[in-house]
Each structure stands twice: as structure tokens, then as C-alpha cells.
């Protein structure tokens, strides 16, 4: 019983170490294991490690990577924007600038992995209004519709800016116009 408790504590401390708010820790572990990853514990300190992306990593780094790969597992506002340990900042095909970079990526990860990359990277802005939602790439819009079909309708409309011509009437000019032209027919 004590061994299981300490194992759960070690897993939870790895989750806490990432600083990411995962929606469900058990679903995240299931997604990690679905990649063929097996969690092992170091003999000297008992910290959890696993082989992910062909590297032997601490579990916290692997959890960060899987959260970046599958953004539906965590709250996107808590994902790191930069400085992720051991993770290339490659999020889309647009990040591969030259033909050499593209061929190196295909050589290392395979053509299927290259085809799976989106054309453009994720946006770093938070979606607060319908206007923000309309600026999202189509793939992100469809992902959000899949999670919640009313996601667009539930967002507030963007407040319109004040027009210098709206809501203000120059009464003296209106009175002069009425005097020269007469009342408008209704």
C-alpha cells in the first residue's frame, strides 16, 4: 500500500512540476501510454522517467511535450509559450524555412509526421470574443466546434468603437437645414 501511495505521489509531483493545468491527469497518462511509453523509476532517487520522442526524459518533460502535441489535454493558457526543455519550437510547416530543414525533418521523423504538421502554428492569443474566434485557423475552429458546438454563440460580440458621427447631433445645423429645406416628408 505504501509503495502505491509513493508511486502516485511521484506521478502527481511530476504533473505539478510542469506547471500545466491538465484537464484529467489519468487521461493524460493514458495518452502518454498510448504512444508506447512506459514509465520507469530511477533507483537512486525514485523519480519517474520515460522514453518519449526517442529520448529518455524525466516524466515532467514528457508530460509537457504531450500537452504541446495534443492541446486538448490541458488548459491552453497554462502551456509554456517558450523555453520548453528539450522540445524543438516546431509547431507547423511554416516553421521549416528552407528545403534543407524540411528534408532533415522528414529524414528524422518521417514523411507522415511532416504531413501531420499544420500549415501554420497555433495562435497565442486568448479567444474572448466572436471576432477573436473568426481569426483562428480553420483547424482550431473545427477542434473547438467538436468540443462544444455552441462555442461561437456563447462568446460575446466585440464591442464596437465609438464613431465620431454616431450618437451626436448638431442641433443648430439640423434646425438651419429644416429652416432652409423645410420638413422632410414622412
Protein backbone atom coordinates (compact mmCIF):
# COMPACT_ATOMS: atom_id res chain seq x y z
CA UNK A 1 0.00 0.00 0.00
CA UNK A 2 2.82 2.41 0.83
CA UNK A 3 4.60 1.63 -2.47
CA UNK A 4 1.46 2.56 -4.45
CA UNK A 5 1.00 5.76 -2.49
CA UNK A 6 4.56 6.88 -3.08
CA UNK A 7 4.24 5.99 -6.78
CA UNK A 8 1.09 8.12 -7.05
CA UNK A 9 2.82 10.93 -5.17
CA UNK A 10 5.76 10.79 -7.58
CA UNK A 11 3.42 10.93 -10.58
CA UNK A 12 1.48 13.85 -9.09
CA UNK A 13 4.69 15.72 -8.28
CA UNK A 14 5.73 15.33 -11.94
CA UNK A 15 2.40 16.81 -13.02
CA UNK A 16 2.82 19.67 -10.53
CA UNK A 17 6.38 20.28 -11.73
CA UNK A 18 5.15 21.06 -15.27
CA UNK A 19 3.00 23.99 -14.11
CA UNK A 20 0.36 22.98 -16.67
CA UNK A 21 -3.31 22.63 -15.70
CA UNK A 22 -4.23 19.25 -17.19
CA UNK A 23 -7.95 18.58 -17.57
CA UNK A 24 -7.56 14.98 -16.42
CA UNK A 25 -4.31 13.51 -15.22
CA UNK A 26 -5.48 9.95 -15.81
CA UNK A 27 -6.43 10.73 -19.44
CA UNK A 28 -3.04 12.37 -19.95
CA UNK A 29 -1.26 9.28 -18.61
CA UNK A 30 -3.43 7.10 -20.86
CA UNK A 31 -2.50 9.25 -23.88
CA UNK A 32 1.17 9.01 -22.92
CA UNK A 33 0.94 5.22 -22.61
CA UNK A 34 -0.91 5.02 -25.93
CA UNK A 35 2.27 6.28 -27.60
CA UNK A 36 4.02 3.15 -26.36
CA UNK A 37 5.71 4.92 -23.47
CA UNK A 38 6.38 3.05 -20.25
CA UNK A 39 7.10 4.92 -17.04
CA UNK A 40 10.11 3.73 -15.02
CA UNK A 41 11.52 4.97 -11.73
CA UNK A 42 15.16 5.79 -11.08
CA UNK A 43 16.75 3.60 -8.43
CA UNK A 44 18.73 6.34 -6.72
CA UNK A 45 16.03 8.97 -6.19
CA UNK A 46 12.81 7.23 -7.30
CA UNK A 47 11.87 9.95 -9.81
CA UNK A 48 9.73 8.84 -12.77
CA UNK A 49 11.31 8.75 -16.23
CA UNK A 50 10.12 7.54 -19.61
CA UNK A 51 11.24 7.18 -23.22
CA UNK A 52 9.41 9.75 -25.33
CA UNK A 53 10.30 11.04 -28.81
CA UNK A 54 13.28 8.67 -28.83
CA UNK A 55 14.79 10.26 -25.70
CA UNK A 56 14.97 9.15 -22.08
CA UNK A 57 13.33 12.04 -20.22
CA UNK A 58 12.03 12.96 -16.79
CA UNK A 59 8.27 12.42 -16.73
CA UNK A 60 7.59 16.16 -16.29
CA UNK A 61 9.33 16.92 -19.62
CA UNK A 62 7.41 14.16 -21.40
CA UNK A 63 4.12 15.47 -19.97
CA UNK A 64 4.95 18.96 -21.23
CA UNK A 65 5.69 17.58 -24.68
CA UNK A 66 2.49 15.56 -24.91
CA UNK A 67 0.47 18.58 -23.74
CA UNK A 68 2.04 20.65 -26.52
CA UNK A 69 1.37 17.89 -29.06
CA UNK A 70 -2.26 17.34 -28.00
CA UNK A 71 -3.59 20.65 -26.71
CA UNK A 72 -6.96 19.16 -25.79
CA UNK A 73 -5.35 17.53 -22.74
CA UNK A 74 -4.63 20.79 -20.93
CA UNK A 75 -5.76 24.36 -20.47
CA UNK A 76 -4.01 26.21 -23.28
CA UNK A 77 -3.47 29.29 -21.13
CA UNK A 78 -1.11 27.31 -18.88
CA UNK A 79 1.02 25.84 -21.66
CA UNK A 80 4.53 27.27 -21.91
CA UNK A 81 4.98 29.80 -24.70
CA UNK A 82 8.74 29.33 -24.97
CA UNK A 83 11.71 27.77 -23.24
CA UNK A 84 10.38 24.22 -23.18
CA UNK A 85 13.16 21.88 -22.16
CA UNK A 86 14.30 19.55 -24.90
CA UNK A 87 11.48 20.46 -27.27
CA UNK A 88 12.13 21.98 -30.63
CA UNK A 89 9.95 25.01 -31.17
CA UNK A 90 8.46 23.41 -34.27
CA UNK A 91 4.69 23.79 -34.36
CA UNK A 92 3.93 23.98 -38.07
CA UNK A 93 5.23 23.62 -41.61
CA UNK A 94 5.70 27.39 -41.65
CA UNK A 95 8.49 26.95 -39.05
CA UNK A 96 10.54 24.98 -41.60
CA UNK A 97 12.01 27.78 -43.70
CA UNK A 98 14.38 26.08 -46.12
CA UNK A 99 14.28 22.91 -48.18
CA UNK A 100 17.18 21.53 -46.12
CA UNK A 101 15.21 21.97 -42.87
CA UNK A 102 12.23 20.20 -44.44
CA UNK A 103 14.34 17.29 -45.70
CA UNK A 104 16.12 16.99 -42.33
CA UNK A 105 12.77 16.85 -40.57
CA UNK A 106 11.47 14.18 -42.96
CA UNK A 107 14.69 12.16 -42.56
CA UNK A 108 14.49 12.31 -38.77
CA UNK A 109 10.74 11.86 -38.19
CA UNK A 110 9.35 10.52 -41.47
CA UNK A 111 7.08 11.86 -44.19
CA UNK A 112 3.88 11.01 -42.28
CA UNK A 113 4.99 13.22 -39.38
CA UNK A 114 5.69 16.04 -41.84
CA UNK A 115 2.25 15.62 -43.43
CA UNK A 116 0.64 15.72 -39.96
CA UNK A 117 2.09 19.18 -39.22
CA UNK A 118 -0.39 22.04 -39.62
CA UNK A 119 0.40 24.73 -42.18
CA UNK A 120 0.55 27.47 -39.55
CA UNK A 121 1.22 27.37 -35.84
CA UNK A 122 -1.26 27.89 -33.04
CA UNK A 123 -2.23 31.39 -32.05
CA UNK A 124 -1.04 32.68 -28.73
CA UNK A 125 -3.99 34.99 -28.17
CA UNK A 126 -6.88 34.05 -25.98
CA UNK A 127 -10.32 33.84 -27.59
CA UNK A 128 -12.56 36.25 -25.71
CA UNK A 129 -14.96 37.47 -28.41
CA UNK A 130 -16.55 36.27 -31.64
CA UNK A 131 -14.10 38.42 -33.61
CA UNK A 132 -11.18 36.57 -31.95
CA UNK A 133 -12.79 33.26 -32.86
CA UNK A 134 -13.13 34.26 -36.52
CA UNK A 135 -9.38 34.99 -36.68
CA UNK A 136 -8.47 31.41 -35.67
CA UNK A 137 -7.16 28.96 -38.28
CA UNK A 138 -9.82 26.56 -39.66
CA UNK A 139 -8.31 23.55 -37.89
CA UNK A 140 -8.58 25.24 -34.48
CA UNK A 141 -12.15 26.40 -35.21
CA UNK A 142 -13.22 22.85 -36.09
CA UNK A 143 -11.49 21.46 -32.99
CA UNK A 144 -13.37 23.93 -30.80
CA UNK A 145 -16.67 23.14 -32.57
CA UNK A 146 -16.02 19.44 -31.92
CA UNK A 147 -15.62 20.11 -28.20
CA UNK A 148 -18.58 22.50 -27.93
CA UNK A 149 -20.98 23.08 -30.86
CA UNK A 150 -22.18 26.35 -29.26
CA UNK A 151 -18.70 27.76 -28.68
CA UNK A 152 -19.17 30.63 -31.14
CA UNK A 153 -22.68 31.54 -29.98
CA UNK A 154 -21.56 31.58 -26.33
CA UNK A 155 -18.86 34.19 -26.98
CA UNK A 156 -19.79 37.85 -26.62
CA UNK A 157 -19.68 40.11 -29.64
CA UNK A 158 -16.82 42.54 -29.84
CA UNK A 159 -17.88 45.97 -28.64
CA UNK A 160 -17.99 48.47 -31.47
CA UNK A 161 -15.78 51.51 -31.20
CA UNK A 162 -17.36 54.91 -30.90
CA UNK A 163 -17.85 56.50 -34.28
CA UNK A 164 -17.40 60.28 -34.32
CA UNK A 165 -20.63 60.53 -36.33
CA UNK A 166 -22.73 58.18 -34.24
CA UNK A 167 -24.92 59.36 -31.39
CA UNK A 168 -24.11 63.04 -31.75
CA UNK A 169 -26.50 65.51 -33.33
CA UNK A 170 -25.57 69.07 -34.15
CA UNK A 171 -28.92 70.60 -33.30
CA UNK A 172 -28.11 74.09 -34.61
CA UNK A 173 -27.15 72.67 -38.02
CA UNK A 174 -30.27 70.49 -38.06
CA UNK A 175 -32.50 73.47 -37.24
CA UNK A 176 -30.87 75.52 -40.02
CA UNK A 177 -31.34 72.65 -42.52
CA UNK A 178 -35.00 72.30 -41.57
CA UNK A 179 -35.48 76.04 -41.97
CA UNK A 180 -33.92 76.14 -45.47
CA UNK A 181 -35.32 72.89 -46.89
CA UNK A 182 -38.44 72.50 -44.87
CA UNK A 183 -39.59 69.42 -43.02
CA UNK A 184 -38.86 66.09 -44.64
CA UNK A 185 -41.84 64.19 -45.97
CA UNK A 186 -42.70 61.13 -43.97
